[in-house]
Each structure stands twice: as C-alpha cells, then as structure tokens.
Amino acid sequence: MEFSRVNKIMLTCPAKLNLNLSVLRKKINGMHEINSQFQLINLFDEMKIEKTNSELINVSTDIDSSINGEKNIVYQAINELSNFIGKQVNCNISIKKNIPIGGGLGGGSSNAAGALIGVNVLFELGLSSKDLIKIGKKVGADVPFFIFGKNAHASGIGDVLIEAKSSSKKKYLLLFPQINSSTKKLFSQWDKLSKYSQNKILKNEENSFLPLFLQNNQDVKEKFNQLNELCSLRLSGTGSTMFFIYENKSEIEKTLKKIPSKWRHSFCEPLQCSPLLTYLT
C-alpha cells in the first residue's frame, strides 16, 4: 500500500489489563519503579487521523470535550513527535472512545501510541519503533508498551518490557463501577504510607493500589467484598476497572447476578499482539 497517496488512516487502539502490579520505589525524578504483567485485551478505541492544510494539531473525542485539544495526551504525543523530527506535523485526530476514561486500562496511552504510529505512516516519516518508543516515553509511562505491542512483563517505570506469552483459554469479565480513579492521587497516598505498611501490602496484595482504591471508594469496597467471596476479583492498574479471570462462563454465573445494576460490565478475551503492530516495520 502506498501511504503517500492517502490523506487519512484508521487505527484500532487496544486496552490492557494489569494482571498484577507492585510499586517498588520512588525515583529521584518523582517516577515510580514497578513490576507488572501487562495483558492486551479485545476492547478497542477507534482512531482516524487526517492530513490538514491548517497549521494545527486538532484532537477530539466523541464523549468528553474536557479532554479535547491540548489537554489530550494524543496532542502531547504529536507535539513531542514534531519536536523530535524538527518540524510541525499538522493533522486532525478523532477518537471514538470505548475504553473507559480513568479506568486503569491504558486507553489514553494506547491512543497516544496509535497516534504516533499512525502519523509516522501517514506522513511517511520513516521513524523506527525505537524512535517512537523514545518519543512515547516522554508522554506517558505506558505509551512504550502500546508501541511494543505484545503482552509483557514490565519493570522500570513500566518501560522495560520483556515479552510474555498469555493463555488463550483465559477470559476476562470486566466491571466498570462508573467512577474515575486518579492515578496521581493514589501514587501520592502510596508515598505517604510507612515502609511497614507498604511492605505489608506488597506481601499480601496482587495490586499495591487495591487497599487505597477501596479506602477512597467505600461504596465500591462493600460491593467488592461481596463479589470477591464468589470469585477472586482484581483491580487493573490504579482502577477503577476490576476484573475476574475465568475459563468457562459457568464459573462466574453467580457473580453475574450480584453485579450492581449501576455498574457496567464487559466480556473480553486476550490478544497475543496489538493490531497497531500491522503498521510497524
């Protein structure tokens, strides 16, 4: 396909789950080192990137005008890419959001990765995956993973990635309690815990943020405890999405009946790699 003859490109940006997450230490620059297992799933945002004659980067979503324009991580990603190549890239980017905002599924980071990959292809910039990862790292800690595009064990600030195979038999029931969870707030709360409390959480919890997330959301905590008695319920990232891992739907039939009516839920399956890899050489 000759991309020089087209004026737009359509991309599919996947979500991810943190199957586990341990916060290890805070670095001098304020970032945190982690250990986590990143799993791609078949929940997608849809992105359209179009060339434009105006000297602007225009970013819009279909659900929330408060994250349009310069506030959007996608805008920041294209701005960083422009700085990297030494000239302004002007384009219109529209995003149909299916991945919940503030849900701990990496939707914004996936969008930023998709935008970097898509603009690289559409404008024939010839940047390598390594270049795009370098740019993405400046925008967000999870962006390199979505450019990497494979399930991975993550360390460092989430940017040191080792490919990890996942079982195709595992399936995921995602629960959305319809609240936003602030990553910045949870990291701040974590930093204020004593070393003793941090070590206790690291020893007993698959996700370091689970106790803090539940502490901040007492209504969710009550429902979490009820559901957790039926199946082992996990938190993805800093929340607010929670999930069950299962193989047969019969394993979660009782759980489905107990999900609060105000919560949304979704059945997802694992991906072995991201559809964005199609555009990387």
Protein backbone atom coordinates (compact mmCIF):
# COMPACT_ATOMS: atom_id res chain seq x y z
CA MET A 1 0.00 0.00 0.00
CA GLU A 2 1.31 3.46 -0.90
CA PHE A 3 0.51 5.69 2.04
CA SER A 4 1.74 8.79 0.18
CA ARG A 5 -1.47 8.70 -1.88
CA VAL A 6 -3.84 8.72 1.07
CA ASN A 7 -4.91 11.60 3.27
CA LYS A 8 -6.19 9.63 6.23
CA ILE A 9 -5.59 6.46 8.19
CA MET A 10 -7.83 4.45 10.54
CA LEU A 11 -6.38 2.64 13.55
CA THR A 12 -7.64 0.36 16.31
CA CYS A 13 -6.14 1.03 19.76
CA PRO A 14 -6.45 -1.81 22.31
CA ALA A 15 -6.86 -1.70 26.09
CA LYS A 16 -4.70 -3.59 28.55
CA LEU A 17 -5.11 -5.16 31.96
CA ASN A 18 -2.55 -5.12 34.73
CA LEU A 19 -2.83 -8.74 35.85
CA ASN A 20 -0.74 -7.71 38.86
CA LEU A 21 1.03 -4.53 39.96
CA SER A 22 3.68 -3.94 42.62
CA VAL A 23 5.04 -0.47 43.36
CA LEU A 24 8.71 -0.81 44.31
CA ARG A 25 10.26 2.58 44.93
CA LYS A 26 10.05 6.26 44.08
CA LYS A 27 12.90 7.61 41.96
CA ILE A 28 14.59 10.99 42.40
CA ASN A 29 12.67 12.35 39.39
CA GLY A 30 9.35 11.51 41.07
CA MET A 31 8.56 8.48 38.90
CA HIS A 32 7.93 5.08 40.48
CA GLU A 33 9.51 1.74 39.65
CA ILE A 34 7.02 -1.09 39.28
CA ASN A 35 6.65 -4.76 38.46
CA SER A 36 3.56 -5.68 36.46
CA GLN A 37 2.17 -8.14 33.95
CA PHE A 38 0.56 -6.30 31.01
CA GLN A 39 -2.15 -8.16 29.09
CA LEU A 40 -3.71 -6.80 25.88
CA ILE A 41 -7.46 -7.40 25.50
CA ASN A 42 -10.02 -7.07 22.73
CA LEU A 43 -11.54 -3.78 23.90
CA PHE A 44 -10.69 -1.01 21.43
CA ASP A 45 -10.84 2.71 20.78
CA GLU A 46 -11.13 3.70 17.12
CA MET A 47 -8.93 6.48 15.74
CA LYS A 48 -8.97 8.45 12.49
CA ILE A 49 -6.00 10.62 11.52
CA GLU A 50 -6.35 13.04 8.61
CA LYS A 51 -3.89 15.37 6.94
CA THR A 52 -4.88 19.04 7.08
CA ASN A 53 -3.77 22.25 5.41
CA SER A 54 -4.23 24.26 8.60
CA GLU A 55 -1.23 24.71 10.86
CA LEU A 56 -2.87 22.93 13.76
CA ILE A 57 -2.99 19.66 15.67
CA ASN A 58 -6.68 19.07 16.32
CA VAL A 59 -7.69 16.26 18.69
CA SER A 60 -11.29 15.40 19.52
CA THR A 61 -13.21 12.56 21.16
CA ASP A 62 -16.83 11.55 20.88
CA ILE A 63 -17.65 11.57 24.59
CA ASP A 64 -15.83 14.21 26.64
CA SER A 65 -14.92 17.69 25.38
CA SER A 66 -12.83 18.29 28.51
CA ILE A 67 -10.09 16.02 27.11
CA ASN A 68 -10.06 17.52 23.63
CA GLY A 69 -7.25 19.63 22.17
CA GLU A 70 -4.08 20.37 24.10
CA LYS A 71 -5.37 18.57 27.22
CA ASN A 72 -5.32 15.25 25.42
CA ILE A 73 -2.26 13.00 25.70
CA VAL A 74 -2.56 12.43 21.93
CA TYR A 75 -1.94 16.14 21.29
CA GLN A 76 1.10 15.99 23.58
CA ALA A 77 2.40 12.91 21.73
CA ILE A 78 2.19 14.57 18.29
CA ASN A 79 3.79 17.70 19.71
CA GLU A 80 6.71 15.62 21.01
CA LEU A 81 6.98 13.86 17.65
CA SER A 82 7.13 17.26 15.90
CA ASN A 83 9.94 18.33 18.24
CA PHE A 84 11.77 15.07 17.53
CA ILE A 85 11.73 15.48 13.73
CA GLY A 86 12.25 19.24 13.84
CA LYS A 87 9.08 20.27 12.01
CA GLN A 88 5.42 20.67 12.87
CA VAL A 89 3.07 17.85 11.91
CA ASN A 90 -0.45 19.18 11.31
CA CYS A 91 -3.39 16.81 11.41
CA ASN A 92 -6.92 16.17 12.63
CA ILE A 93 -7.29 13.22 15.01
CA SER A 94 -10.72 11.98 16.08
CA ILE A 95 -11.20 9.19 18.61
CA LYS A 96 -14.25 7.05 19.25
CA LYS A 97 -13.89 6.03 22.89
CA ASN A 98 -14.90 2.56 24.01
CA ILE A 99 -12.20 2.19 26.69
CA PRO A 100 -13.39 3.93 29.89
CA ILE A 101 -11.55 7.13 30.85
CA GLY A 102 -9.83 6.84 34.23
CA GLY A 103 -10.46 3.11 34.25
CA GLY A 104 -6.92 1.76 34.61
CA LEU A 105 -6.98 0.16 31.15
CA GLY A 106 -4.43 2.42 29.46
CA GLY A 107 -6.86 3.97 26.98
CA GLY A 108 -5.10 7.33 26.78
CA SER A 109 -1.66 5.75 26.44
CA SER A 110 -2.96 3.41 23.74
CA ASN A 111 -4.38 6.40 21.87
CA ALA A 112 -1.03 8.22 22.13
CA ALA A 113 0.78 5.16 20.77
CA GLY A 114 -1.74 4.82 17.94
CA ALA A 115 -1.33 8.49 17.03
CA LEU A 116 2.48 8.23 16.92
CA ILE A 117 2.33 5.09 14.78
CA GLY A 118 -0.40 6.45 12.51
CA VAL A 119 1.26 9.82 11.89
CA ASN A 120 4.57 8.08 11.22
CA VAL A 121 2.89 6.01 8.50
CA LEU A 122 0.59 8.68 7.05
CA PHE A 123 3.34 11.30 6.68
CA GLU A 124 5.99 8.73 5.71
CA LEU A 125 8.37 9.91 8.42
CA GLY A 126 10.37 6.69 8.45
CA LEU A 127 10.79 6.57 12.23
CA SER A 128 11.69 3.22 13.79
CA SER A 129 9.83 1.54 16.65
CA LYS A 130 12.76 2.51 18.86
CA ASP A 131 12.32 6.16 17.87
CA LEU A 132 8.59 6.05 18.56
CA ILE A 133 9.13 4.41 21.95
CA LYS A 134 11.66 7.12 22.83
CA ILE A 135 9.09 9.79 21.96
CA GLY A 136 6.28 7.94 23.72
CA LYS A 137 8.24 7.61 26.96
CA LYS A 138 8.26 11.42 27.26
CA VAL A 139 4.47 11.48 27.13
CA GLY A 140 3.48 8.64 29.46
CA ALA A 141 4.96 5.59 31.18
CA ASP A 142 2.53 3.15 29.47
CA VAL A 143 2.92 4.52 25.93
CA PRO A 144 6.07 2.45 25.15
CA PHE A 145 4.14 -0.76 25.94
CA PHE A 146 1.43 0.01 23.39
CA ILE A 147 4.10 0.68 20.74
CA PHE A 148 5.88 -2.55 21.76
CA GLY A 149 2.53 -4.18 21.06
CA LYS A 150 2.96 -7.55 22.79
CA ASN A 151 1.98 -8.89 26.19
CA ALA A 152 4.83 -8.22 28.56
CA HIS A 153 6.36 -8.31 31.99
CA ALA A 154 7.02 -4.65 32.80
CA SER A 155 9.61 -3.19 35.14
CA GLY A 156 11.39 0.15 35.49
CA ILE A 157 8.66 2.80 35.25
CA GLY A 158 6.75 0.39 33.03
CA ASP A 159 9.07 0.93 30.07
CA VAL A 160 11.38 -2.09 30.49
CA LEU A 161 9.44 -4.77 28.66
CA ILE A 162 10.02 -8.50 28.25
CA GLU A 163 7.57 -10.34 26.01
CA ALA A 164 5.30 -12.72 27.91
CA LYS A 165 3.05 -15.33 26.34
CA SER A 166 -0.53 -15.49 27.58
CA SER A 167 -3.03 -18.33 27.71
CA SER A 168 -5.69 -18.17 25.02
CA LYS A 169 -8.01 -20.12 27.35
CA LYS A 170 -8.21 -17.31 29.90
CA LYS A 171 -11.08 -14.85 29.57
CA TYR A 172 -11.91 -11.70 31.48
CA LEU A 173 -15.07 -10.26 32.95
CA LEU A 174 -14.51 -6.53 33.38
CA LEU A 175 -16.52 -4.49 35.88
CA PHE A 176 -16.88 -0.73 35.50
CA PRO A 177 -18.22 0.97 38.66
CA GLN A 178 -18.74 4.23 36.73
CA ILE A 179 -16.19 6.27 38.69
CA ASN A 180 -12.85 7.81 37.80
CA SER A 181 -9.78 6.85 39.79
CA SER A 182 -6.93 9.35 39.99
CA THR A 183 -3.53 7.76 39.36
CA LYS A 184 -1.78 10.85 40.71
CA LYS A 185 -3.77 10.73 43.96
CA LEU A 186 -3.12 7.03 44.54
CA PHE A 187 0.63 7.35 43.99
CA SER A 188 0.64 10.29 46.42
CA GLN A 189 -1.21 8.21 49.01
CA TRP A 190 1.21 5.33 48.49
CA ASP A 191 4.20 7.60 49.09
CA LYS A 192 2.69 8.73 52.42
CA LEU A 193 2.41 5.17 53.76
CA SER A 194 5.03 3.93 56.19
CA LYS A 195 7.59 1.43 54.90
CA TYR A 196 5.98 -1.17 57.13
CA SER A 197 2.54 -0.59 55.55
CA GLN A 198 3.98 -0.64 52.03
CA ASN A 199 5.78 -3.94 52.65
CA LYS A 200 2.64 -5.47 54.18
CA ILE A 201 0.62 -4.55 51.08
CA LEU A 202 3.34 -5.84 48.73
CA LYS A 203 3.33 -9.14 50.61
CA ASN A 204 -0.45 -9.63 50.68
CA GLU A 205 -1.89 -7.95 47.59
CA GLU A 206 -1.55 -8.65 43.86
CA ASN A 207 -2.10 -4.94 43.24
CA SER A 208 -0.41 -2.41 45.52
CA PHE A 209 -3.19 0.12 44.95
CA LEU A 210 -6.17 -2.09 45.83
CA PRO A 211 -6.38 -1.17 49.57
CA LEU A 212 -6.05 2.55 48.78
CA PHE A 213 -8.58 2.40 45.96
CA LEU A 214 -11.13 0.70 48.22
CA GLN A 215 -10.37 3.13 51.04
CA ASN A 216 -11.18 6.02 48.69
CA ASN A 217 -14.39 4.41 47.42
CA GLN A 218 -16.35 2.94 50.31
CA ASP A 219 -19.44 2.12 48.23
CA VAL A 220 -17.28 0.13 45.82
CA LYS A 221 -15.49 -1.54 48.75
CA GLU A 222 -18.73 -3.04 50.07
CA LYS A 223 -19.62 -4.50 46.67
CA PHE A 224 -16.03 -5.61 46.06
CA ASN A 225 -16.01 -7.65 49.26
CA GLN A 226 -19.30 -9.32 48.34
CA LEU A 227 -18.16 -10.23 44.83
CA ASN A 228 -14.71 -11.30 46.00
CA GLU A 229 -16.32 -14.01 48.13
CA LEU A 230 -17.69 -15.60 44.94
CA CYS A 231 -14.66 -15.24 42.66
CA SER A 232 -11.23 -13.68 43.05
CA LEU A 233 -11.70 -10.06 41.98
CA ARG A 234 -8.74 -7.94 40.86
CA LEU A 235 -8.06 -4.26 40.21
CA SER A 236 -6.43 -3.16 36.95
CA GLY A 237 -3.76 -0.51 37.37
CA THR A 238 -4.98 2.26 39.66
CA GLY A 239 -8.61 1.43 38.85
CA SER A 240 -11.41 1.91 38.60
CA THR A 241 -11.87 -1.20 36.41
CA MET A 242 -11.97 -4.51 38.26
CA PHE A 243 -11.93 -7.94 36.66
CA PHE A 244 -12.35 -11.68 37.09
CA ILE A 245 -10.28 -14.27 35.24
CA TYR A 246 -12.21 -17.35 34.12
CA GLU A 247 -12.17 -20.13 31.53
CA ASN A 248 -15.81 -21.27 31.49
CA LYS A 249 -18.77 -18.94 31.89
CA SER A 250 -20.26 -21.34 34.43
CA GLU A 251 -17.52 -20.20 36.83
CA ILE A 252 -18.99 -16.70 37.04
CA GLU A 253 -22.75 -17.29 36.73
CA LYS A 254 -23.40 -16.49 40.41
CA THR A 255 -21.15 -13.45 40.19
CA LEU A 256 -23.06 -12.02 37.21
CA LYS A 257 -26.27 -11.99 39.26
CA LYS A 258 -24.58 -9.96 42.03
CA ILE A 259 -23.13 -7.15 39.89
CA PRO A 260 -24.77 -3.83 40.91
CA SER A 261 -27.26 -2.59 38.33
CA LYS A 262 -25.48 0.78 38.04
CA TRP A 263 -22.19 -0.87 37.09
CA ARG A 264 -21.34 -1.75 33.51
CA HIS A 265 -19.61 -4.98 32.61
CA SER A 266 -17.91 -6.43 29.56
CA PHE A 267 -16.62 -9.84 28.49
CA CYS A 268 -13.14 -9.65 26.98
CA GLU A 269 -10.61 -12.07 25.58
CA PRO A 270 -6.80 -11.86 25.50
CA LEU A 271 -4.86 -10.63 22.48
CA GLN A 272 -1.45 -12.06 21.68
CA CYS A 273 -0.40 -8.82 20.00
CA SER A 274 -1.74 -5.37 19.19
CA PRO A 275 -3.38 -4.55 15.83
CA LEU A 276 -1.12 -1.47 15.81
CA LEU A 277 1.83 -3.76 15.02
CA THR A 278 0.45 -4.01 11.48
CA TYR A 279 1.86 -0.55 10.81
CA LEU A 280 5.31 -1.10 12.30
CA THR A 281 8.25 -2.45 10.33
